[in-house]
């Protein structure tokens, strides 16, 4: 059989609607597209697939449109938009199922482009997809592209478009994209509703789905008066209800943000409160011990990824928690033995000395690590708990709140349930009498500095979850830490908790009305006025410092 006759036969086959009732035309055209006997066969196959608009073929057509169609052992595959590793990509099967390919261990299959055979489709053939290009992204592997494609769907009564939309929603796995897609479907059905009952049902569906666009959709429909005045009024009432619910959730979000910030301040100020209450030392280097804890976390990450060769693990962070406490605590103990011990009852000299130490530590960190480093957020703490469509509580913030509560409990048990805690409280109230009673006040001071600095280091480890690690990161929190200690009452655990949470809440509330800078000014003015009324803080000290 010569080539001309073969081409004629293939073209005739393309003109036939189906070979028989049991044959799958999409499979036939797909096979002709991937292994065409002639260029004209491939061109007509792409045209027929675009005209049929079969949802199962859309991932394949999108790969053609994006020029990302490859063959892996004669199987049509595509790749992620960005590499997943060192020049390797995750692979997705295209037809008949659009699925992520995995290896024998059940992990995503990662291959370089050199291991794949590129299928080149001429531009003229790709232009045949222009008419359905907006629909192709409904089946993208990228959730953001799918969300954008859903939101761009126009009000239509085209049954083919509705069928494709429903097919895409049936396969949708991303919650945000699914919410956006349902919005599009309900909106199309709303504008095509023929009775008030159907229209109200779709308005209820839009309200229950409650995507970001829902109030706008309902208000637009109410203004259009599309079906009748009754449905327009119903949509307007639903839009107002959604906005009120959103405002209430924003208050909850502000409450959580204040609790999160307050827990961070409590965690940082906890050690400072103990040290300040024990020795009356204004430790300006306390923020740098937090920085040391953050860099310890970074070093543990480097050890796990480089030395041990286990980059894909969350264990490094949980190992870093005790290490950051020990490293920062040890350096605090050294500082107390070498510097602080000679400056008791000398607040001005201690302030200047610890300020100089803080500058030395900042410059040392800058020389060793540079100006900016970052710690990878553990996968376990990535993302958030979605309480409702518009209220998500990040796992990293929840972890910091839980860690703060745990450290407060640890500090309470140490101070009020151990012999060491009794000695610390005794020395805090009266150093001379404690020494007369046989308490080694210098040993107690050293241990207290170890614990206080260790708590600051633990706070630094936690803060790597919400920000970068920089040499002067401690300066960001040192002023707020002193405000927490002074406002709550020197050396008072309950005062530290109440003051830290209070300042956190007031800060977030003020930021919701003013810019961040003006919010900070508002907090400082409020604390100044408060200290005029209660100069010794919420829980006044009754020990040696108060007498002085």
Protein backbone atom coordinates (compact mmCIF):
# COMPACT_ATOMS: atom_id res chain seq x y z
CA UNK A 1 0.00 0.00 0.00
CA UNK A 2 1.53 3.29 -1.06
CA UNK A 3 1.75 6.42 1.08
CA UNK A 4 -0.95 8.39 -0.81
CA UNK A 5 -3.51 5.65 -0.39
CA UNK A 6 -2.65 5.38 3.31
CA UNK A 7 -3.20 9.11 3.81
CA UNK A 8 -6.55 8.98 2.02
CA UNK A 9 -7.72 6.11 4.18
CA UNK A 10 -6.69 7.93 7.37
CA UNK A 11 -8.49 11.11 6.33
CA UNK A 12 -11.61 9.10 5.61
CA UNK A 13 -11.41 7.57 9.05
CA UNK A 14 -11.28 11.04 10.57
CA UNK A 15 -14.50 12.00 8.79
CA UNK A 16 -16.40 9.03 10.25
CA UNK A 17 -18.10 9.92 13.55
CA UNK A 18 -17.42 6.56 15.15
CA UNK A 19 -16.36 3.09 13.99
CA UNK A 20 -19.04 1.56 16.13
CA UNK A 21 -21.00 2.27 19.27
CA UNK A 22 -18.31 0.64 21.41
CA UNK A 23 -15.36 2.55 20.03
CA UNK A 24 -13.92 5.58 21.84
CA UNK A 25 -13.38 8.44 19.41
CA UNK A 26 -11.27 10.39 21.93
CA UNK A 27 -8.84 7.46 22.25
CA UNK A 28 -8.61 7.19 18.47
CA UNK A 29 -7.85 10.89 18.00
CA UNK A 30 -5.39 10.85 20.89
CA UNK A 31 -3.48 7.96 19.34
CA UNK A 32 -3.43 9.76 15.99
CA UNK A 33 -2.17 12.91 17.69
CA UNK A 34 0.72 11.20 19.49
CA UNK A 35 1.77 8.88 16.65
CA UNK A 36 0.42 10.41 13.42
CA UNK A 37 1.08 8.67 10.11
CA UNK A 38 1.12 12.17 8.57
CA UNK A 39 1.07 15.78 9.71
CA UNK A 40 -2.42 16.31 8.30
CA UNK A 41 -3.74 13.46 10.44
CA UNK A 42 -2.36 15.08 13.60
CA UNK A 43 -3.82 18.45 12.59
CA UNK A 44 -7.27 17.01 12.06
CA UNK A 45 -7.04 14.95 15.28
CA UNK A 46 -6.33 18.10 17.32
CA UNK A 47 -9.21 19.88 15.58
CA UNK A 48 -11.61 17.04 16.29
CA UNK A 49 -10.59 16.86 20.00
CA UNK A 50 -11.07 20.62 20.33
CA UNK A 51 -14.49 20.37 18.69
CA UNK A 52 -15.66 17.40 20.77
CA UNK A 53 -14.77 19.16 24.06
CA UNK A 54 -14.42 15.92 25.99
CA UNK A 55 -13.23 16.85 29.53
CA UNK A 56 -10.95 13.80 29.80
CA UNK A 57 -8.85 15.13 26.90
CA UNK A 58 -8.46 18.66 28.28
CA UNK A 59 -5.22 17.97 30.25
CA UNK A 60 -3.71 16.64 27.01
CA UNK A 61 -4.88 19.65 25.00
CA UNK A 62 -3.59 22.02 27.69
CA UNK A 63 -0.17 20.37 27.56
CA UNK A 64 -0.19 20.96 23.78
CA UNK A 65 -1.23 24.58 24.25
CA UNK A 66 1.53 25.14 26.87
CA UNK A 67 4.15 23.26 24.80
CA UNK A 68 4.71 20.79 27.65
CA UNK A 69 3.75 17.52 25.99
CA UNK A 70 6.21 14.64 26.43
CA UNK A 71 6.35 10.88 26.00
CA UNK A 72 7.57 8.50 28.71
CA UNK A 73 7.63 4.92 27.41
CA UNK A 74 4.94 5.82 24.86
CA UNK A 75 2.76 7.39 27.58
CA UNK A 76 1.71 11.04 27.21
CA UNK A 77 2.92 13.04 30.22
CA UNK A 78 3.45 16.65 31.26
CA UNK A 79 5.55 18.35 33.95
CA UNK A 80 5.15 20.85 36.79
CA UNK A 81 5.70 24.53 36.06
CA UNK A 82 8.81 24.59 38.27
CA UNK A 83 11.49 21.98 39.08
CA UNK A 84 10.92 19.94 42.23
CA UNK A 85 14.60 19.25 42.77
CA UNK A 86 17.96 19.56 41.04
CA UNK A 87 16.62 19.91 37.52
CA UNK A 88 13.96 17.24 38.02
CA UNK A 89 10.21 17.56 37.59
CA UNK A 90 7.12 15.80 38.83
CA UNK A 91 5.27 14.02 36.04
CA UNK A 92 1.53 13.77 35.36
CA UNK A 93 -0.19 11.27 33.11
CA UNK A 94 -2.56 12.99 30.65
CA UNK A 95 -4.94 10.47 29.14
CA UNK A 96 -7.24 8.73 29.91
CA UNK A 97 -6.58 9.80 33.54
CA UNK A 98 -4.80 12.93 34.68
CA UNK A 99 -2.82 11.60 37.65
CA UNK A 100 0.51 12.18 39.37
CA UNK A 101 3.03 9.47 38.50
CA UNK A 102 4.71 7.75 41.44
CA UNK A 103 7.68 5.43 41.84
CA UNK A 104 7.75 1.97 43.43
CA UNK A 105 7.85 3.55 46.91
CA UNK A 106 4.70 5.54 46.30
CA UNK A 107 6.61 8.84 46.15
CA UNK A 108 6.20 11.33 43.26
CA UNK A 109 8.30 10.27 40.25
CA UNK A 110 11.02 12.88 39.60
CA UNK A 111 12.83 12.87 36.26
CA UNK A 112 14.93 15.35 34.26
CA UNK A 113 13.73 16.55 30.87
CA UNK A 114 16.51 14.53 29.24
CA UNK A 115 14.66 11.35 30.23
CA UNK A 116 11.56 12.42 28.30
CA UNK A 117 10.81 12.61 24.59
CA UNK A 118 9.42 15.99 23.56
CA UNK A 119 6.35 15.99 21.30
CA UNK A 120 6.62 19.04 19.04
CA UNK A 121 3.28 20.45 17.91
CA UNK A 122 3.46 23.22 15.26
CA UNK A 123 2.01 26.62 16.09
CA UNK A 124 -0.63 26.29 13.37
CA UNK A 125 -1.99 23.18 15.10
CA UNK A 126 -1.92 24.84 18.52
CA UNK A 127 -3.97 27.76 17.17
CA UNK A 128 -6.91 25.38 16.78
CA UNK A 129 -7.14 25.40 20.60
CA UNK A 130 -7.62 29.17 20.87
CA UNK A 131 -11.40 28.85 21.08
CA UNK A 132 -11.30 26.57 24.11
CA UNK A 133 -8.15 27.96 25.76
CA UNK A 134 -10.10 29.57 28.67
CA UNK A 135 -11.61 26.17 29.49
CA UNK A 136 -8.35 24.22 29.37
CA UNK A 137 -7.02 25.72 32.62
CA UNK A 138 -9.98 24.19 34.43
CA UNK A 139 -7.93 20.97 34.33
CA UNK A 140 -4.52 22.48 35.13
CA UNK A 141 -2.31 20.84 37.76
CA UNK A 142 -1.86 24.29 39.32
CA UNK A 143 -4.73 25.17 41.77
CA UNK A 144 -4.20 28.90 41.23
CA UNK A 145 -4.65 28.53 37.47
CA UNK A 146 -7.82 26.53 38.05
CA UNK A 147 -9.20 29.19 40.41
CA UNK A 148 -8.48 31.90 37.86
CA UNK A 149 -10.13 29.86 35.10
CA UNK A 150 -13.26 29.34 37.22
CA UNK A 151 -13.52 33.05 38.04
CA UNK A 152 -13.23 34.01 34.36
CA UNK A 153 -16.19 31.97 33.21
CA UNK A 154 -18.90 34.24 31.85
CA UNK A 155 -22.62 33.85 32.35
CA UNK A 156 -23.61 31.36 29.70
CA UNK A 157 -26.38 28.99 28.81
CA UNK A 158 -24.11 26.80 26.68
CA UNK A 159 -24.72 23.21 27.73
CA UNK A 160 -21.24 22.11 26.60
CA UNK A 161 -19.57 24.70 28.85
CA UNK A 162 -21.74 23.68 31.81
CA UNK A 163 -20.89 20.03 31.22
CA UNK A 164 -17.17 20.83 31.20
CA UNK A 165 -17.49 22.95 34.33
CA UNK A 166 -19.31 20.17 36.19
CA UNK A 167 -16.70 17.63 35.08
CA UNK A 168 -13.90 19.89 36.36
CA UNK A 169 -15.65 20.37 39.71
CA UNK A 170 -16.16 16.62 40.06
CA UNK A 171 -12.35 16.18 39.93
CA UNK A 172 -11.45 19.28 41.95
CA UNK A 173 -9.32 18.52 45.02
CA UNK A 174 -8.27 22.00 46.17
CA UNK A 175 -10.73 23.57 48.63
CA UNK A 176 -10.21 27.18 47.51
CA UNK A 177 -10.46 26.32 43.81
CA UNK A 178 -13.54 24.19 44.47
CA UNK A 179 -15.22 27.10 46.25
CA UNK A 180 -14.47 29.44 43.34
CA UNK A 181 -15.69 26.88 40.81
CA UNK A 182 -18.94 26.29 42.65
CA UNK A 183 -19.48 30.05 42.72
CA UNK A 184 -19.18 30.14 38.93
CA UNK A 185 -21.60 27.23 38.50
CA UNK A 186 -24.20 28.67 40.88
CA UNK A 187 -23.93 32.10 39.26
CA UNK A 188 -24.50 30.64 35.78
CA UNK A 189 -27.50 28.67 37.06
CA UNK A 190 -28.81 31.78 38.84
CA UNK A 191 -28.78 33.93 35.71
CA UNK A 192 -30.43 31.11 33.77
CA UNK A 193 -33.08 30.41 36.41
CA UNK A 194 -36.62 30.47 35.04
CA UNK A 195 -38.52 30.57 38.35
CA UNK A 196 -38.20 32.40 41.66
CA UNK A 197 -37.76 29.08 43.53
CA UNK A 198 -34.78 28.03 41.41
CA UNK A 199 -33.24 31.49 41.64
CA UNK A 200 -33.52 31.54 45.44
CA UNK A 201 -32.04 28.04 45.66
CA UNK A 202 -28.97 29.19 43.73
CA UNK A 203 -28.71 32.37 45.83
CA UNK A 204 -28.71 30.15 48.93
CA UNK A 205 -26.03 27.96 47.34
CA UNK A 206 -23.83 31.00 46.67
CA UNK A 207 -24.30 32.19 50.26
CA UNK A 208 -23.55 28.76 51.72
CA UNK A 209 -20.50 28.33 49.49
CA UNK A 210 -19.30 31.82 50.59
CA UNK A 211 -16.31 32.44 48.37
CA UNK A 212 -14.45 35.76 48.27
CA UNK A 213 -16.65 36.85 45.35
CA UNK A 214 -20.01 35.85 46.85
CA UNK A 215 -21.11 39.27 48.21
CA UNK A 216 -20.15 40.94 44.91
CA UNK A 217 -22.05 38.35 42.87
CA UNK A 218 -25.15 38.73 44.99
CA UNK A 219 -25.04 42.54 44.94
CA UNK A 220 -24.57 42.58 41.16
CA UNK A 221 -27.53 40.27 40.72
CA UNK A 222 -29.64 42.40 43.08
CA UNK A 223 -28.84 45.54 41.10
CA UNK A 224 -29.64 43.88 37.79
CA UNK A 225 -33.13 42.82 38.87
CA UNK A 226 -32.65 40.00 36.37
CA UNK A 227 -35.69 37.82 37.13
CA UNK A 228 -37.95 39.90 39.37
CA UNK A 229 -37.81 42.28 42.34
CA UNK A 230 -38.39 39.51 44.87
CA UNK A 231 -35.24 37.59 43.95
CA UNK A 232 -33.24 40.83 43.72
CA UNK A 233 -34.27 41.78 47.27
CA UNK A 234 -33.50 38.26 48.49
CA UNK A 235 -29.99 38.42 47.00
CA UNK A 236 -29.36 41.85 48.60
CA UNK A 237 -30.35 40.56 52.05
CA UNK A 238 -28.04 37.55 51.66
CA UNK A 239 -25.13 39.84 50.63
CA UNK A 240 -25.60 41.97 53.77
CA UNK A 241 -25.68 38.83 55.91
CA UNK A 242 -22.41 37.57 54.42
CA UNK A 243 -20.71 40.91 55.06
CA UNK A 244 -21.81 40.87 58.72
CA UNK A 245 -20.51 37.33 59.13
CA UNK A 246 -17.23 38.40 57.55
CA UNK A 247 -16.91 41.32 59.98
CA UNK A 248 -17.47 38.96 62.92
CA UNK A 249 -14.81 36.58 61.64
CA UNK A 250 -12.41 39.49 61.25
CA UNK A 251 -12.86 40.23 64.94
CA UNK A 252 -12.01 36.61 65.70
CA UNK A 253 -8.97 36.91 63.42
CA UNK A 254 -7.82 40.05 65.28
CA UNK A 255 -8.30 38.22 68.58
CA UNK A 256 -6.18 35.31 67.38
CA UNK A 257 -3.50 37.67 66.02
CA UNK A 258 -3.38 39.45 69.38
CA UNK A 259 -3.14 36.12 71.19
CA UNK A 260 -0.34 35.05 68.85
CA UNK A 261 1.64 38.27 69.30
CA UNK A 262 1.00 38.23 73.04
CA UNK A 263 2.27 34.65 73.33
CA UNK A 264 5.46 35.64 71.50
CA UNK A 265 5.98 38.56 73.88
CA UNK A 266 5.31 36.33 76.89
CA UNK A 267 7.78 33.73 75.61
CA UNK A 268 10.50 36.36 75.12
CA UNK A 269 9.82 38.30 78.33
CA UNK A 270 9.54 35.22 80.54
CA UNK A 271 13.31 34.81 80.97
CA UNK A 272 13.87 38.56 81.20
CA UNK A 273 11.30 38.83 83.98
CA UNK A 274 13.03 36.16 86.07
CA UNK A 275 16.49 37.70 85.61
CA UNK A 276 15.32 41.26 86.16
CA UNK A 277 13.41 40.28 89.28
CA UNK A 278 16.30 38.28 90.74
CA UNK A 279 19.22 40.66 90.19
CA UNK A 280 17.71 43.98 89.22
CA UNK A 281 19.92 43.84 86.12
CA UNK A 282 18.76 45.65 82.98
CA UNK A 283 19.98 43.06 80.48
CA UNK A 284 20.07 44.80 77.12
CA UNK A 285 21.58 41.64 75.58
CA UNK A 286 18.48 39.57 76.25
CA UNK A 287 17.27 40.01 72.67
CA UNK A 288 20.60 38.71 71.38
CA UNK A 289 20.11 35.45 73.27
CA UNK A 290 16.89 35.12 71.29
CA UNK A 291 18.98 35.70 68.15
CA UNK A 292 21.42 32.99 69.31
CA UNK A 293 18.53 30.54 69.63
CA UNK A 294 17.42 31.39 66.08
CA UNK A 295 20.91 30.84 64.66
CA UNK A 296 21.21 27.59 66.61
CA UNK A 297 18.08 26.42 64.81
CA UNK A 298 19.65 27.42 61.50
CA UNK A 299 22.85 25.50 62.33
CA UNK A 300 20.87 22.38 63.27
CA UNK A 301 19.08 22.64 59.92
CA UNK A 302 22.45 22.83 58.12
CA UNK A 303 23.72 19.79 60.05
CA UNK A 304 20.66 17.77 59.05
CA UNK A 305 20.68 18.82 55.38
CA UNK A 306 24.42 18.91 54.69
CA UNK A 307 26.20 16.69 57.20
CA UNK A 308 23.56 14.01 57.77
CA UNK A 309 22.02 14.24 54.28
CA UNK A 310 18.38 14.18 55.37
CA UNK A 311 16.90 17.34 53.79
CA UNK A 312 13.26 16.17 53.64
CA UNK A 313 12.54 15.93 57.37
CA UNK A 314 10.90 17.95 60.12
CA UNK A 315 13.06 16.40 62.82
CA UNK A 316 15.68 19.16 62.64
CA UNK A 317 13.31 21.73 64.13
CA UNK A 318 12.28 19.56 67.05
CA UNK A 319 15.94 18.76 67.74
CA UNK A 320 16.68 22.48 67.56
CA UNK A 321 14.21 23.33 70.36
CA UNK A 322 16.28 21.85 73.24
CA UNK A 323 19.57 22.78 71.55
CA UNK A 324 18.56 26.44 71.27
CA UNK A 325 17.69 26.43 74.98
CA UNK A 326 21.00 24.85 75.95
CA UNK A 327 23.21 27.00 73.71
CA UNK A 328 21.58 30.31 74.66
CA UNK A 329 21.43 29.27 78.31
CA UNK A 330 25.11 28.35 78.36
CA UNK A 331 26.13 31.69 76.88
CA UNK A 332 23.91 33.44 79.41
CA UNK A 333 25.66 31.56 82.20
CA UNK A 334 29.04 32.62 80.81
CA UNK A 335 27.87 36.26 80.63
CA UNK A 336 26.74 36.15 84.24
CA UNK A 337 30.03 34.67 85.44
CA UNK A 338 32.25 37.05 83.49
CA UNK A 339 30.29 40.34 83.48
CA UNK A 340 26.99 40.48 85.34
CA UNK A 341 28.33 39.08 88.63
CA UNK A 342 30.45 42.20 89.12
CA UNK A 343 27.61 44.62 88.42
CA UNK A 344 24.88 43.67 90.90
CA UNK A 345 23.20 46.73 92.43
CA UNK A 346 24.71 48.86 89.64
CA UNK A 347 21.84 49.30 87.16
CA UNK A 348 23.48 51.97 84.99
CA UNK A 349 26.76 50.07 84.64
CA UNK A 350 24.90 46.82 83.91
CA UNK A 351 22.82 48.56 81.25
CA UNK A 352 25.91 49.91 79.47
CA UNK A 353 27.84 46.65 79.79
CA UNK A 354 25.04 44.43 78.46
CA UNK A 355 24.39 46.92 75.65
CA UNK A 356 28.05 46.58 74.63
CA UNK A 357 27.74 42.78 74.80
CA UNK A 358 24.68 42.95 72.54
CA UNK A 359 26.62 44.96 69.93
CA UNK A 360 29.46 42.41 70.02
CA UNK A 361 27.03 39.50 69.59
CA UNK A 362 25.25 41.22 66.69
CA UNK A 363 28.49 41.91 64.83
CA UNK A 364 29.77 38.37 65.50
CA UNK A 365 26.57 36.90 64.03
CA UNK A 366 26.88 39.19 61.01
CA UNK A 367 30.48 38.07 60.39
CA UNK A 368 29.60 34.37 60.76
CA UNK A 369 26.26 34.16 58.96
CA UNK A 370 25.83 37.33 56.87
CA UNK A 371 22.91 39.71 56.91
CA UNK A 372 20.05 37.33 56.12
CA UNK A 373 19.37 33.64 56.56
CA UNK A 374 16.17 31.65 56.79
CA UNK A 375 15.00 28.46 58.43
CA UNK A 376 12.74 26.15 56.46
CA UNK A 377 9.31 25.81 58.05
CA UNK A 378 8.64 22.17 58.96
CA UNK A 379 6.04 20.59 56.71
CA UNK A 380 4.08 19.59 59.79
CA UNK A 381 3.62 23.27 60.70
CA UNK A 382 2.96 24.58 57.18
CA UNK A 383 -0.54 25.66 56.22
CA UNK A 384 -3.33 26.26 58.69
CA UNK A 385 -6.51 25.05 60.30
CA UNK A 386 -9.46 26.33 58.27
CA UNK A 387 -12.16 27.01 60.83
CA UNK A 388 -14.45 28.54 58.19
CA UNK A 389 -14.08 29.73 54.58
CA UNK A 390 -12.71 33.10 55.75
CA UNK A 391 -10.96 32.12 58.97
CA UNK A 392 -7.73 30.15 58.86
CA UNK A 393 -5.46 29.77 61.90
CA UNK A 394 -1.84 29.10 60.84
CA UNK A 395 -0.28 26.01 62.38
CA UNK A 396 3.00 27.82 63.11
CA UNK A 397 1.17 30.45 65.19
CA UNK A 398 -0.82 27.76 67.01
CA UNK A 399 2.46 25.98 67.77
CA UNK A 400 3.98 29.17 69.22
CA UNK A 401 0.90 29.67 71.43
CA UNK A 402 1.13 26.07 72.64
CA UNK A 403 4.89 26.40 73.25
CA UNK A 404 4.34 29.60 75.25
CA UNK A 405 1.73 27.88 77.40
CA UNK A 406 4.10 24.96 77.97
CA UNK A 407 6.97 27.26 78.97
CA UNK A 408 4.73 29.22 81.33
CA UNK A 409 3.73 25.94 82.98
CA UNK A 410 7.39 24.86 83.13
CA UNK A 411 8.39 28.18 84.73
CA UNK A 412 5.54 28.02 87.24
CA UNK A 413 6.42 24.47 88.31
CA UNK A 414 10.09 25.40 88.56
CA UNK A 415 9.43 28.51 90.68
CA UNK A 416 6.69 27.17 92.96
CA UNK A 417 7.18 23.41 93.07
CA UNK A 418 10.95 22.93 93.37
CA UNK A 419 13.65 23.71 95.92
CA UNK A 420 15.49 25.76 93.29
CA UNK A 421 12.37 27.86 92.71
CA UNK A 422 12.06 28.50 96.43
CA UNK A 423 15.67 29.69 96.51
CA UNK A 424 15.14 31.93 93.47
CA UNK A 425 12.09 33.55 95.06
CA UNK A 426 13.97 33.99 98.30
CA UNK A 427 16.95 35.66 96.63
CA UNK A 428 14.59 37.83 94.58
CA UNK A 429 12.93 39.17 97.73
CA UNK A 430 16.06 39.65 99.86
CA UNK A 431 19.55 38.62 98.79
CA UNK A 432 21.27 39.36 102.13
CA UNK A 433 18.83 37.43 104.29
CA UNK A 434 18.93 34.51 101.82
CA UNK A 435 22.71 34.40 102.07
CA UNK A 436 22.45 34.42 105.88
CA UNK A 437 20.12 31.44 105.66
CA UNK A 438 22.78 29.45 103.79
CA UNK A 439 21.57 29.89 100.20
CA UNK A 440 24.42 30.17 97.70
CA UNK A 441 23.14 33.32 96.06
CA UNK A 442 25.83 33.36 93.35
CA UNK A 443 25.01 29.80 92.31
CA UNK A 444 21.30 30.64 92.25
CA UNK A 445 22.02 33.72 90.13
CA UNK A 446 24.06 31.69 87.63
CA UNK A 447 21.35 29.04 87.28
CA UNK A 448 18.70 31.75 86.92
CA UNK A 449 20.65 33.45 84.15
CA UNK A 450 21.01 30.07 82.44
CA UNK A 451 17.25 29.46 82.57
CA UNK A 452 16.32 33.02 81.58
CA UNK A 453 18.73 33.08 78.62
CA UNK A 454 17.64 29.58 77.61
CA UNK A 455 14.00 30.70 77.49
CA UNK A 456 15.06 33.58 75.23
CA UNK A 457 16.88 31.10 72.97
CA UNK A 458 13.76 28.93 72.83
CA UNK A 459 11.77 31.99 71.80
CA UNK A 460 14.30 32.61 69.01
CA UNK A 461 13.82 29.06 67.75
CA UNK A 462 10.05 29.57 67.68
CA UNK A 463 10.29 32.93 65.90
CA UNK A 464 12.10 31.29 62.96
CA UNK A 465 8.66 29.92 62.06
CA UNK A 466 7.32 33.39 61.27
CA UNK A 467 10.31 35.38 60.02
CA UNK A 468 13.85 35.43 58.71
CA UNK A 469 16.94 35.17 60.90
CA UNK A 470 18.96 38.39 60.96
CA UNK A 471 21.74 39.53 63.33
CA UNK A 472 19.76 42.38 64.88
CA UNK A 473 16.44 40.53 65.20
CA UNK A 474 16.62 40.80 68.98
CA UNK A 475 16.42 44.58 68.81
CA UNK A 476 12.91 44.25 67.40
CA UNK A 477 11.60 42.64 70.58
CA UNK A 478 13.80 43.95 73.41
CA UNK A 479 11.78 47.15 73.96
CA UNK A 480 8.47 45.27 73.96
CA UNK A 481 9.97 42.73 76.37
CA UNK A 482 10.91 45.42 78.86
CA UNK A 483 7.46 46.96 78.48
CA UNK A 484 5.91 43.59 79.33
CA UNK A 485 8.14 43.15 82.40
CA UNK A 486 7.70 46.68 83.75
CA UNK A 487 3.95 46.84 83.06
CA UNK A 488 3.28 43.44 84.62
CA UNK A 489 5.43 43.95 87.70
CA UNK A 490 9.10 43.11 88.14
CA UNK A 491 9.70 39.38 88.58
CA UNK A 492 6.01 38.47 88.56
CA UNK A 493 5.00 35.49 86.43
CA UNK A 494 1.30 36.38 86.41
CA UNK A 495 2.17 39.97 85.53
CA UNK A 496 4.29 38.83 82.58
CA UNK A 497 1.43 36.73 81.20
CA UNK A 498 -1.29 39.36 81.64
CA UNK A 499 0.91 42.21 80.40
CA UNK A 500 2.26 40.27 77.40
CA UNK A 501 -1.19 39.19 76.23
CA UNK A 502 -2.62 42.65 76.92
CA UNK A 503 0.04 44.44 74.91
CA UNK A 504 -0.37 41.90 72.10
CA UNK A 505 -4.14 42.43 71.96
CA UNK A 506 -3.92 46.21 72.16
CA UNK A 507 -1.26 46.27 69.45
CA UNK A 508 -3.38 44.29 66.99
CA UNK A 509 -6.53 46.23 67.82
CA UNK A 510 -4.77 49.56 67.32
CA UNK A 511 -3.23 48.34 64.04
CA UNK A 512 -6.73 47.59 62.74
CA UNK A 513 -7.59 51.29 63.13
CA UNK A 514 -4.21 52.93 62.47
CA UNK A 515 -1.01 52.13 60.59
CA UNK A 516 1.50 49.91 62.40
CA UNK A 517 3.76 52.83 63.38
CA UNK A 518 0.89 54.88 64.82
CA UNK A 519 -0.39 51.79 66.56
CA UNK A 520 2.96 51.38 68.30
CA UNK A 521 2.91 55.05 69.35
CA UNK A 522 -0.60 54.55 70.74
CA UNK A 523 0.59 51.57 72.82
CA UNK A 524 3.58 53.54 74.20
CA UNK A 525 1.38 56.49 75.18
CA UNK A 526 -1.11 54.13 76.82
CA UNK A 527 1.66 52.43 78.84
CA UNK A 528 3.09 55.79 79.90
CA UNK A 529 -0.30 56.86 81.22
CA UNK A 530 -0.80 53.49 82.90
CA UNK A 531 2.58 53.71 84.66
CA UNK A 532 1.61 57.12 86.00
CA UNK A 533 -1.36 55.45 87.65
CA UNK A 534 0.40 52.24 88.73
CA UNK A 535 4.17 52.89 88.69
CA UNK A 536 5.00 49.42 90.08
CA UNK A 537 2.97 47.58 87.44
CA UNK A 538 -0.07 45.34 87.60
CA UNK A 539 1.45 43.12 90.31
CA UNK A 540 3.70 45.31 92.51
CA UNK A 541 6.86 43.70 93.85
CA UNK A 542 7.06 43.38 97.62
CA UNK A 543 10.67 42.30 97.90
CA UNK A 544 14.08 43.88 97.90
CA UNK A 545 13.64 45.83 94.65
CA UNK A 546 10.42 47.41 95.87
CA UNK A 547 12.08 48.48 99.10
CA UNK A 548 14.94 50.06 97.15
